[in-house]
C-alpha cells in the first residue's frame, strides 16, 4: 500500500501479509498463482484515507509483507502442511495475518495454522464462496481446492455464505453434519444467523473471490452467476468484527488476474485493506 517504510517493519506492523502463489489442483480456469502478486501490486494504488474512520488506517496499524511462500510441488498435502507451518509461525509474532492465495486448497493449511497457534476450543470459520468445497476426495486428492471446506470442517465448524453450486455428495454431507451451515446466495436472512454463529468466538474468515458476483469479480477460475455484492461482503466482515472475540487471520483466494483488466485486482486489494481496518480499529 505504499506505506512509509517505518510502518512496514515486522516489529511495528500489527498486520502481516503472507502471499501463497499456489495453483495446482484447479479443474477449470487456472492462474490463481498470479493472484498474490496482483493484489500486492494493486494495493499500491489504494487511497490510504478511509472516511469511515476519518484517518489513514494503514498508517495507524502498519502492514508487514512476508516473502511469498514457495510452492510445494510434490503434493497438495505437502503444500497444506507448509502453509500450516508458515501461518502458525506468523501468528506467534503478529496480531492479524492476511493470507493471499493462490487456490482455495491453502485455506486448510490456514485453519490448521491458526488452530495450532491460537487453539481450536472456540475457533470457527466463515467462508464466502460460490462453491461448497465439501468434497471428501476430488480427482484423487483429499487436498484439492474442491475439498477445502471439508478439511476445515475437520478442525472447526464452518458457516458458508453465497453458495450457489454444490454436488449431490456435498449436499448429502452438509445435511448430515452439525458442523456446516450454508446460507445460499438467494437467501436474505442470514446476517442474524451469522452474528449468532461468530459471537464470542475466534474467527478464521476465508474469502474465495468467486463468492462475489462475476459482474464485479470476473477474474476467478469458475465464475458463477448470482453472487454477493460488495456491500454484502462488507456486511459479513462487519458482523464478524462486531460480534466475534477476535479474527486473527483471514485469507483472500482464487484471484486469477485477467491481463488488461485491473478492476478485480484492485477490488481484492481494497477488500483486504478494509478487513484489516475493520478488525484492527474496532
C-alpha atoms as a PDB file:
ATOM      1  CA  UNK A   1       0.000   0.000   0.000  1.00  0.00           C
ATOM      2  CA  UNK A   2       2.998   2.312  -0.415  1.00  0.00           C
ATOM      3  CA  UNK A   3       3.196   2.779   3.319  1.00  0.00           C
ATOM      4  CA  UNK A   4       6.161   4.617   4.818  1.00  0.00           C
ATOM      5  CA  UNK A   5       8.951   2.147   5.461  1.00  0.00           C
ATOM      6  CA  UNK A   6       8.759   2.793   9.193  1.00  0.00           C
ATOM      7  CA  UNK A   7       5.201   1.385   9.228  1.00  0.00           C
ATOM      8  CA  UNK A   8       6.138  -1.866   7.457  1.00  0.00           C
ATOM      9  CA  UNK A   9       8.771  -3.166   9.868  1.00  0.00           C
ATOM     10  CA  UNK A  10       7.777  -6.517  11.429  1.00  0.00           C
ATOM     11  CA  UNK A  11       8.233  -5.258  14.972  1.00  0.00           C
ATOM     12  CA  UNK A  12       5.948  -2.285  14.294  1.00  0.00           C
ATOM     13  CA  UNK A  13       3.215  -3.566  11.992  1.00  0.00           C
ATOM     14  CA  UNK A  14       0.129  -5.076  13.629  1.00  0.00           C
ATOM     15  CA  UNK A  15      -0.976  -6.682  10.352  1.00  0.00           C
ATOM     16  CA  UNK A  16       1.173  -9.067   8.337  1.00  0.00           C
ATOM     17  CA  UNK A  17       0.615 -10.395   4.815  1.00  0.00           C
ATOM     18  CA  UNK A  18       1.625 -13.869   3.644  1.00  0.00           C
ATOM     19  CA  UNK A  19       1.491 -14.376  -0.159  1.00  0.00           C
ATOM     20  CA  UNK A  20       0.954 -18.005  -1.236  1.00  0.00           C
ATOM     21  CA  UNK A  21       1.248 -18.280  -5.054  1.00  0.00           C
ATOM     22  CA  UNK A  22      -0.020 -21.848  -5.349  1.00  0.00           C
ATOM     23  CA  UNK A  23      -2.171 -23.172  -8.204  1.00  0.00           C
ATOM     24  CA  UNK A  24      -2.058 -26.944  -8.742  1.00  0.00           C
ATOM     25  CA  UNK A  25      -5.461 -28.642  -8.377  1.00  0.00           C
ATOM     26  CA  UNK A  26      -7.777 -26.298 -10.298  1.00  0.00           C
ATOM     27  CA  UNK A  27     -10.181 -28.045 -12.671  1.00  0.00           C
ATOM     28  CA  UNK A  28     -11.308 -25.177 -14.918  1.00  0.00           C
ATOM     29  CA  UNK A  29      -9.619 -21.772 -15.198  1.00  0.00           C
ATOM     30  CA  UNK A  30      -6.063 -21.557 -13.886  1.00  0.00           C
ATOM     31  CA  UNK A  31      -3.906 -18.578 -12.970  1.00  0.00           C
ATOM     32  CA  UNK A  32      -4.567 -18.073  -9.261  1.00  0.00           C
ATOM     33  CA  UNK A  33      -0.830 -18.457  -8.617  1.00  0.00           C
ATOM     34  CA  UNK A  34      -0.546 -14.927 -10.002  1.00  0.00           C
ATOM     35  CA  UNK A  35      -3.183 -13.616  -7.599  1.00  0.00           C
ATOM     36  CA  UNK A  36      -0.985 -12.647  -4.635  1.00  0.00           C
ATOM     37  CA  UNK A  37       1.373 -10.546  -6.749  1.00  0.00           C
ATOM     38  CA  UNK A  38      -1.580  -8.858  -8.468  1.00  0.00           C
ATOM     39  CA  UNK A  39      -3.163  -7.965  -5.119  1.00  0.00           C
ATOM     40  CA  UNK A  40       0.087  -6.539  -3.804  1.00  0.00           C
ATOM     41  CA  UNK A  41       0.640  -4.516  -6.981  1.00  0.00           C
ATOM     42  CA  UNK A  42      -2.906  -3.138  -6.891  1.00  0.00           C
ATOM     43  CA  UNK A  43      -2.554  -2.261  -3.209  1.00  0.00           C
ATOM     44  CA  UNK A  44      -0.081   0.455  -4.143  1.00  0.00           C
ATOM     45  CA  UNK A  45      -2.929   2.331  -5.833  1.00  0.00           C
ATOM     46  CA  UNK A  46      -5.216   2.249  -2.789  1.00  0.00           C
ATOM     47  CA  UNK A  47      -6.017   5.564  -1.167  1.00  0.00           C
ATOM     48  CA  UNK A  48      -4.964   5.099   2.449  1.00  0.00           C
ATOM     49  CA  UNK A  49      -7.552   7.539   3.814  1.00  0.00           C
ATOM     50  CA  UNK A  50     -10.875   5.963   4.843  1.00  0.00           C
ATOM     51  CA  UNK A  51     -13.714   8.398   5.503  1.00  0.00           C
ATOM     52  CA  UNK A  52     -15.458   5.836   7.731  1.00  0.00           C
ATOM     53  CA  UNK A  53     -12.598   6.097  10.222  1.00  0.00           C
ATOM     54  CA  UNK A  54     -11.545   9.664   9.468  1.00  0.00           C
ATOM     55  CA  UNK A  55      -7.897   8.640   9.189  1.00  0.00           C
ATOM     56  CA  UNK A  56      -5.421   6.547   7.233  1.00  0.00           C
ATOM     57  CA  UNK A  57      -5.900   3.168   8.960  1.00  0.00           C
ATOM     58  CA  UNK A  58      -2.898   1.519   7.314  1.00  0.00           C
ATOM     59  CA  UNK A  59      -0.581   4.235   8.557  1.00  0.00           C
ATOM     60  CA  UNK A  60      -2.020   3.674  12.036  1.00  0.00           C
ATOM     61  CA  UNK A  61      -1.655  -0.090  12.344  1.00  0.00           C
ATOM     62  CA  UNK A  62       1.119  -0.759   9.802  1.00  0.00           C
ATOM     63  CA  UNK A  63       1.459  -3.684   7.408  1.00  0.00           C
ATOM     64  CA  UNK A  64       4.434  -6.025   7.005  1.00  0.00           C
ATOM     65  CA  UNK A  65       4.612  -8.271   3.930  1.00  0.00           C
ATOM     66  CA  UNK A  66       6.406 -11.586   4.218  1.00  0.00           C
ATOM     67  CA  UNK A  67       8.240 -13.195   1.271  1.00  0.00           C
ATOM     68  CA  UNK A  68       5.991 -15.421  -0.883  1.00  0.00           C
ATOM     69  CA  UNK A  69       5.703 -18.972   0.424  1.00  0.00           C
ATOM     70  CA  UNK A  70       7.415 -21.324  -2.015  1.00  0.00           C
ATOM     71  CA  UNK A  71       5.012 -23.838  -3.628  1.00  0.00           C
ATOM     72  CA  UNK A  72       5.464 -27.476  -2.589  1.00  0.00           C
ATOM     73  CA  UNK A  73       5.162 -29.321  -5.890  1.00  0.00           C
ATOM     74  CA  UNK A  74       5.294 -32.883  -4.562  1.00  0.00           C
ATOM     75  CA  UNK A  75       1.651 -32.883  -3.432  1.00  0.00           C
ATOM     76  CA  UNK A  76      -1.227 -30.642  -2.305  1.00  0.00           C
ATOM     77  CA  UNK A  77      -0.922 -32.232   1.147  1.00  0.00           C
ATOM     78  CA  UNK A  78       2.677 -31.023   1.381  1.00  0.00           C
ATOM     79  CA  UNK A  79       1.543 -27.525   0.431  1.00  0.00           C
ATOM     80  CA  UNK A  80      -1.134 -27.533   3.126  1.00  0.00           C
ATOM     81  CA  UNK A  81       1.496 -28.585   5.676  1.00  0.00           C
ATOM     82  CA  UNK A  82       3.811 -25.778   4.557  1.00  0.00           C
ATOM     83  CA  UNK A  83       1.014 -23.225   4.894  1.00  0.00           C
ATOM     84  CA  UNK A  84       0.201 -24.540   8.377  1.00  0.00           C
ATOM     85  CA  UNK A  85       3.814 -24.030   9.465  1.00  0.00           C
ATOM     86  CA  UNK A  86       4.032 -20.534   7.983  1.00  0.00           C
ATOM     87  CA  UNK A  87       0.707 -19.399   9.450  1.00  0.00           C
ATOM     88  CA  UNK A  88       1.453 -20.770  12.930  1.00  0.00           C
ATOM     89  CA  UNK A  89       4.835 -19.052  12.912  1.00  0.00           C
ATOM     90  CA  UNK A  90       3.445 -15.713  11.716  1.00  0.00           C
ATOM     91  CA  UNK A  91       0.613 -15.740  14.262  1.00  0.00           C
ATOM     92  CA  UNK A  92       3.140 -16.183  17.040  1.00  0.00           C
ATOM     93  CA  UNK A  93       4.538 -12.789  16.074  1.00  0.00           C
ATOM     94  CA  UNK A  94       1.677 -10.657  14.715  1.00  0.00           C
ATOM     95  CA  UNK A  95      -1.820  -9.569  15.724  1.00  0.00           C
ATOM     96  CA  UNK A  96      -3.577 -10.088  12.386  1.00  0.00           C
ATOM     97  CA  UNK A  97      -2.432 -12.195   9.435  1.00  0.00           C
ATOM     98  CA  UNK A  98      -3.773 -11.814   5.893  1.00  0.00           C
ATOM     99  CA  UNK A  99      -3.035 -14.728   3.551  1.00  0.00           C
ATOM    100  CA  UNK A 100      -3.242 -14.040  -0.188  1.00  0.00           C
ATOM    101  CA  UNK A 101      -3.772 -17.050  -2.477  1.00  0.00           C
ATOM    102  CA  UNK A 102      -3.485 -18.914  -4.684  1.00  0.00           C
ATOM    103  CA  UNK A 103      -6.120 -21.589  -4.888  1.00  0.00           C
ATOM    104  CA  UNK A 104      -8.506 -22.443  -2.067  1.00  0.00           C
ATOM    105  CA  UNK A 105      -6.541 -25.568  -1.110  1.00  0.00           C
ATOM    106  CA  UNK A 106      -4.281 -23.369   1.009  1.00  0.00           C
ATOM    107  CA  UNK A 107      -7.145 -22.483   3.370  1.00  0.00           C
ATOM    108  CA  UNK A 108      -6.988 -25.916   5.011  1.00  0.00           C
ATOM    109  CA  UNK A 109      -3.413 -25.066   5.991  1.00  0.00           C
ATOM    110  CA  UNK A 110      -4.505 -21.651   7.280  1.00  0.00           C
ATOM    111  CA  UNK A 111      -7.134 -23.281   9.504  1.00  0.00           C
ATOM    112  CA  UNK A 112      -4.598 -25.751  10.847  1.00  0.00           C
ATOM    113  CA  UNK A 113      -2.092 -22.986  11.459  1.00  0.00           C
ATOM    114  CA  UNK A 114      -4.457 -20.774  13.446  1.00  0.00           C
ATOM    115  CA  UNK A 115      -5.708 -23.748  15.465  1.00  0.00           C
ATOM    116  CA  UNK A 116      -2.133 -24.622  16.301  1.00  0.00           C
ATOM    117  CA  UNK A 117      -1.125 -21.062  17.203  1.00  0.00           C
ATOM    118  CA  UNK A 118      -4.272 -19.856  18.965  1.00  0.00           C
ATOM    119  CA  UNK A 119      -6.087 -23.070  19.896  1.00  0.00           C
ATOM    120  CA  UNK A 120      -9.257 -24.571  18.445  1.00  0.00           C
ATOM    121  CA  UNK A 121     -11.510 -24.514  21.506  1.00  0.00           C
ATOM    122  CA  UNK A 122     -13.633 -21.585  20.276  1.00  0.00           C
ATOM    123  CA  UNK A 123     -12.443 -21.473  16.646  1.00  0.00           C
ATOM    124  CA  UNK A 124     -14.995 -21.159  13.838  1.00  0.00           C
ATOM    125  CA  UNK A 125     -14.656 -20.455  10.118  1.00  0.00           C
ATOM    126  CA  UNK A 126     -16.738 -18.127   7.966  1.00  0.00           C
ATOM    127  CA  UNK A 127     -16.488 -18.925   4.264  1.00  0.00           C
ATOM    128  CA  UNK A 128     -17.550 -16.643   1.410  1.00  0.00           C
ATOM    129  CA  UNK A 129     -17.728 -18.787  -1.720  1.00  0.00           C
ATOM    130  CA  UNK A 130     -19.769 -19.760  -4.757  1.00  0.00           C
ATOM    131  CA  UNK A 131     -18.970 -23.436  -4.160  1.00  0.00           C
ATOM    132  CA  UNK A 132     -19.377 -25.557  -1.063  1.00  0.00           C
ATOM    133  CA  UNK A 133     -15.925 -27.201  -1.400  1.00  0.00           C
ATOM    134  CA  UNK A 134     -17.178 -30.120   0.691  1.00  0.00           C
ATOM    135  CA  UNK A 135     -15.859 -33.000  -1.410  1.00  0.00           C
ATOM    136  CA  UNK A 136     -14.027 -35.539   0.726  1.00  0.00           C
ATOM    137  CA  UNK A 137     -11.914 -36.550  -2.265  1.00  0.00           C
ATOM    138  CA  UNK A 138     -11.788 -34.873  -5.665  1.00  0.00           C
ATOM    139  CA  UNK A 139      -9.900 -36.210  -8.681  1.00  0.00           C
ATOM    140  CA  UNK A 140      -7.874 -38.482  -6.418  1.00  0.00           C
ATOM    141  CA  UNK A 141      -6.888 -35.903  -3.810  1.00  0.00           C
ATOM    142  CA  UNK A 142      -8.274 -35.101  -0.360  1.00  0.00           C
ATOM    143  CA  UNK A 143      -6.475 -31.770  -0.631  1.00  0.00           C
ATOM    144  CA  UNK A 144      -7.986 -30.497  -3.872  1.00  0.00           C
ATOM    145  CA  UNK A 145      -9.389 -26.963  -3.900  1.00  0.00           C
ATOM    146  CA  UNK A 146     -12.818 -28.678  -4.043  1.00  0.00           C
ATOM    147  CA  UNK A 147     -12.107 -30.256  -0.624  1.00  0.00           C
ATOM    148  CA  UNK A 148     -11.033 -27.070   1.171  1.00  0.00           C
ATOM    149  CA  UNK A 149     -14.097 -26.678   3.397  1.00  0.00           C
ATOM    150  CA  UNK A 150     -14.290 -30.421   4.098  1.00  0.00           C
ATOM    151  CA  UNK A 151     -10.778 -30.303   5.548  1.00  0.00           C
ATOM    152  CA  UNK A 152     -11.614 -27.144   7.534  1.00  0.00           C
ATOM    153  CA  UNK A 153     -14.731 -28.819   8.981  1.00  0.00           C
ATOM    154  CA  UNK A 154     -12.399 -31.417  10.484  1.00  0.00           C
ATOM    155  CA  UNK A 155     -10.865 -28.579  12.521  1.00  0.00           C
ATOM    156  CA  UNK A 156     -13.814 -26.313  13.313  1.00  0.00           C
ATOM    157  CA  UNK A 157     -17.449 -25.533  12.370  1.00  0.00           C
ATOM    158  CA  UNK A 158     -17.989 -23.589   9.126  1.00  0.00           C
ATOM    159  CA  UNK A 159     -20.632 -21.026   8.135  1.00  0.00           C
ATOM    160  CA  UNK A 160     -20.787 -20.742   4.342  1.00  0.00           C
ATOM    161  CA  UNK A 161     -22.230 -17.669   2.597  1.00  0.00           C
ATOM    162  CA  UNK A 162     -23.027 -17.116  -1.073  1.00  0.00           C
ATOM    163  CA  UNK A 163     -23.115 -20.789  -2.078  1.00  0.00           C
ATOM    164  CA  UNK A 164     -24.848 -21.402  -5.405  1.00  0.00           C
ATOM    165  CA  UNK A 165     -23.245 -24.565  -6.727  1.00  0.00           C
ATOM    166  CA  UNK A 166     -22.694 -27.893  -4.959  1.00  0.00           C
ATOM    167  CA  UNK A 167     -22.751 -31.574  -5.878  1.00  0.00           C
ATOM    168  CA  UNK A 168     -25.191 -34.144  -4.553  1.00  0.00           C
ATOM    169  CA  UNK A 169     -22.489 -35.737  -2.385  1.00  0.00           C
ATOM    170  CA  UNK A 170     -21.663 -32.357  -0.853  1.00  0.00           C
ATOM    171  CA  UNK A 171     -25.323 -31.651  -0.163  1.00  0.00           C
ATOM    172  CA  UNK A 172     -25.705 -35.043   1.495  1.00  0.00           C
ATOM    173  CA  UNK A 173     -22.688 -34.365   3.710  1.00  0.00           C
ATOM    174  CA  UNK A 174     -23.825 -30.924   4.823  1.00  0.00           C
ATOM    175  CA  UNK A 175     -27.295 -32.262   5.679  1.00  0.00           C
ATOM    176  CA  UNK A 176     -25.748 -34.994   7.841  1.00  0.00           C
ATOM    177  CA  UNK A 177     -23.218 -32.749   9.596  1.00  0.00           C
ATOM    178  CA  UNK A 178     -23.855 -30.396  12.502  1.00  0.00           C
ATOM    179  CA  UNK A 179     -20.618 -28.540  11.700  1.00  0.00           C
ATOM    180  CA  UNK A 180     -21.719 -26.966   8.396  1.00  0.00           C
ATOM    181  CA  UNK A 181     -24.216 -24.131   7.986  1.00  0.00           C
ATOM    182  CA  UNK A 182     -24.981 -22.884   4.472  1.00  0.00           C
ATOM    183  CA  UNK A 183     -26.543 -19.552   3.502  1.00  0.00           C
ATOM    184  CA  UNK A 184     -27.302 -19.932  -0.185  1.00  0.00           C
ATOM    185  CA  UNK A 185     -26.814 -16.908  -2.404  1.00  0.00           C
ATOM    186  CA  UNK A 186     -30.549 -16.256  -2.834  1.00  0.00           C
ATOM    187  CA  UNK A 187     -31.203 -16.191   0.919  1.00  0.00           C
ATOM    188  CA  UNK A 188     -31.647 -12.800   2.581  1.00  0.00           C
ATOM    189  CA  UNK A 189     -31.957 -13.578   6.298  1.00  0.00           C
ATOM    190  CA  UNK A 190     -28.501 -14.918   7.086  1.00  0.00           C
ATOM    191  CA  UNK A 191     -26.958 -11.940   8.916  1.00  0.00           C
ATOM    192  CA  UNK A 192     -28.609 -12.653  12.313  1.00  0.00           C
ATOM    193  CA  UNK A 193     -27.608 -16.326  11.999  1.00  0.00           C
ATOM    194  CA  UNK A 194     -24.049 -15.316  11.176  1.00  0.00           C
ATOM    195  CA  UNK A 195     -23.902 -12.946  14.143  1.00  0.00           C
ATOM    196  CA  UNK A 196     -25.018 -15.734  16.470  1.00  0.00           C
ATOM    197  CA  UNK A 197     -22.516 -18.164  14.923  1.00  0.00           C
ATOM    198  CA  UNK A 198     -19.472 -15.912  15.491  1.00  0.00           C
ATOM    199  CA  UNK A 199     -20.500 -14.269  18.771  1.00  0.00           C
ATOM    200  CA  UNK A 200     -17.691 -14.562  21.304  1.00  0.00           C
ATOM    201  CA  UNK A 201     -15.670 -16.838  19.007  1.00  0.00           C
ATOM    202  CA  UNK A 202     -12.251 -16.790  17.363  1.00  0.00           C
ATOM    203  CA  UNK A 203     -12.913 -16.489  13.629  1.00  0.00           C
ATOM    204  CA  UNK A 204     -10.983 -17.505  10.540  1.00  0.00           C
ATOM    205  CA  UNK A 205     -12.526 -15.718   7.538  1.00  0.00           C
ATOM    206  CA  UNK A 206     -11.841 -17.287   4.149  1.00  0.00           C
ATOM    207  CA  UNK A 207     -12.884 -15.309   1.084  1.00  0.00           C
ATOM    208  CA  UNK A 208     -12.977 -17.197  -2.195  1.00  0.00           C
ATOM    209  CA  UNK A 209     -13.464 -14.328  -4.608  1.00  0.00           C
ATOM    210  CA  UNK A 210     -15.868 -16.326  -6.764  1.00  0.00           C
ATOM    211  CA  UNK A 211     -18.316 -15.787  -3.902  1.00  0.00           C
ATOM    212  CA  UNK A 212     -18.755 -12.284  -5.306  1.00  0.00           C
ATOM    213  CA  UNK A 213     -20.943 -11.713  -8.334  1.00  0.00           C
ATOM    214  CA  UNK A 214     -18.937 -12.033 -11.574  1.00  0.00           C
ATOM    215  CA  UNK A 215     -20.206  -8.613 -12.681  1.00  0.00           C
ATOM    216  CA  UNK A 216     -17.748  -7.134 -10.177  1.00  0.00           C
ATOM    217  CA  UNK A 217     -15.338 -10.090  -9.831  1.00  0.00           C
ATOM    218  CA  UNK A 218     -14.873 -11.868 -13.191  1.00  0.00           C
ATOM    219  CA  UNK A 219     -11.217 -12.781 -12.546  1.00  0.00           C
ATOM    220  CA  UNK A 220     -11.761 -16.197 -10.967  1.00  0.00           C
ATOM    221  CA  UNK A 221     -11.334 -19.734 -12.226  1.00  0.00           C
ATOM    222  CA  UNK A 222     -15.012 -20.698 -12.047  1.00  0.00           C
ATOM    223  CA  UNK A 223     -17.300 -17.642 -12.082  1.00  0.00           C
ATOM    224  CA  UNK A 224     -20.873 -18.387 -11.026  1.00  0.00           C
ATOM    225  CA  UNK A 225     -23.804 -16.019 -11.666  1.00  0.00           C
ATOM    226  CA  UNK A 226     -25.784 -14.624  -8.763  1.00  0.00           C
ATOM    227  CA  UNK A 227     -23.060 -13.820  -6.252  1.00  0.00           C
ATOM    228  CA  UNK A 228     -22.633 -11.367  -3.399  1.00  0.00           C
ATOM    229  CA  UNK A 229     -22.343  -7.617  -3.834  1.00  0.00           C
ATOM    230  CA  UNK A 230     -19.528  -5.511  -2.369  1.00  0.00           C
ATOM    231  CA  UNK A 231     -21.802  -4.242   0.388  1.00  0.00           C
ATOM    232  CA  UNK A 232     -22.977  -7.761   1.271  1.00  0.00           C
ATOM    233  CA  UNK A 233     -19.386  -8.894   1.657  1.00  0.00           C
ATOM    234  CA  UNK A 234     -18.650  -5.926   3.897  1.00  0.00           C
ATOM    235  CA  UNK A 235     -21.733  -6.747   5.974  1.00  0.00           C
ATOM    236  CA  UNK A 236     -20.187 -10.169   6.635  1.00  0.00           C
ATOM    237  CA  UNK A 237     -16.920  -8.582   7.756  1.00  0.00           C
ATOM    238  CA  UNK A 238     -18.691  -6.020   9.934  1.00  0.00           C
ATOM    239  CA  UNK A 239     -20.741  -8.713  11.665  1.00  0.00           C
ATOM    240  CA  UNK A 240     -17.587 -10.688  12.437  1.00  0.00           C
ATOM    241  CA  UNK A 241     -15.667  -7.676  13.738  1.00  0.00           C
ATOM    242  CA  UNK A 242     -18.639  -6.562  15.840  1.00  0.00           C
ATOM    243  CA  UNK A 243     -19.603  -9.920  17.346  1.00  0.00           C
ATOM    244  CA  UNK A 244     -16.513 -12.138  17.416  1.00  0.00           C
ATOM    245  CA  UNK A 245     -13.959 -12.186  20.185  1.00  0.00           C
ATOM    246  CA  UNK A 246     -11.207 -11.827  17.608  1.00  0.00           C
ATOM    247  CA  UNK A 247     -10.306 -12.545  13.994  1.00  0.00           C
ATOM    248  CA  UNK A 248      -6.573 -13.311  13.992  1.00  0.00           C
ATOM    249  CA  UNK A 249      -6.411 -14.480  10.378  1.00  0.00           C
ATOM    250  CA  UNK A 250      -8.239 -14.167   7.077  1.00  0.00           C
ATOM    251  CA  UNK A 251      -7.451 -15.166   3.542  1.00  0.00           C
ATOM    252  CA  UNK A 252      -8.382 -13.876   0.088  1.00  0.00           C
ATOM    253  CA  UNK A 253      -8.031 -16.607  -2.527  1.00  0.00           C
ATOM    254  CA  UNK A 254      -8.746 -17.638  -6.120  1.00  0.00           C
ATOM    255  CA  UNK A 255      -7.971 -14.343  -7.878  1.00  0.00           C
ATOM    256  CA  UNK A 256      -6.910 -15.256 -11.428  1.00  0.00           C
ATOM    257  CA  UNK A 257      -5.814 -11.928 -12.941  1.00  0.00           C
ATOM    258  CA  UNK A 258      -7.071 -11.042 -16.403  1.00  0.00           C
ATOM    259  CA  UNK A 259      -4.458  -9.173 -18.486  1.00  0.00           C
ATOM    260  CA  UNK A 260      -5.548  -5.611 -19.112  1.00  0.00           C
ATOM    261  CA  UNK A 261      -8.352  -5.731 -16.505  1.00  0.00           C
ATOM    262  CA  UNK A 262      -7.189  -4.152 -13.268  1.00  0.00           C
ATOM    263  CA  UNK A 263     -10.561  -3.761 -11.534  1.00  0.00           C
ATOM    264  CA  UNK A 264     -10.720  -7.237  -9.940  1.00  0.00           C
ATOM    265  CA  UNK A 265      -7.154  -6.941  -8.622  1.00  0.00           C
ATOM    266  CA  UNK A 266      -7.968  -3.576  -7.071  1.00  0.00           C
ATOM    267  CA  UNK A 267     -11.204  -4.933  -5.546  1.00  0.00           C
ATOM    268  CA  UNK A 268      -9.284  -7.779  -3.881  1.00  0.00           C
ATOM    269  CA  UNK A 269      -6.667  -5.374  -2.506  1.00  0.00           C
ATOM    270  CA  UNK A 270      -9.304  -2.921  -1.333  1.00  0.00           C
ATOM    271  CA  UNK A 271     -11.216  -5.714   0.398  1.00  0.00           C
ATOM    272  CA  UNK A 272      -8.115  -6.919   2.231  1.00  0.00           C
ATOM    273  CA  UNK A 273      -7.386  -3.374   3.418  1.00  0.00           C
ATOM    274  CA  UNK A 274     -10.974  -2.903   4.608  1.00  0.00           C
ATOM    275  CA  UNK A 275     -10.922  -6.187   6.531  1.00  0.00           C
ATOM    276  CA  UNK A 276      -7.700  -5.152   8.253  1.00  0.00           C
ATOM    277  CA  UNK A 277      -9.134  -1.746   9.126  1.00  0.00           C
ATOM    278  CA  UNK A 278     -12.431  -3.047  10.484  1.00  0.00           C
ATOM    279  CA  UNK A 279     -10.690  -5.628  12.666  1.00  0.00           C
ATOM    280  CA  UNK A 280      -7.801  -3.541  13.983  1.00  0.00           C
ATOM    281  CA  UNK A 281      -9.637  -0.248  14.526  1.00  0.00           C
ATOM    282  CA  UNK A 282     -12.821  -1.647  16.103  1.00  0.00           C
END
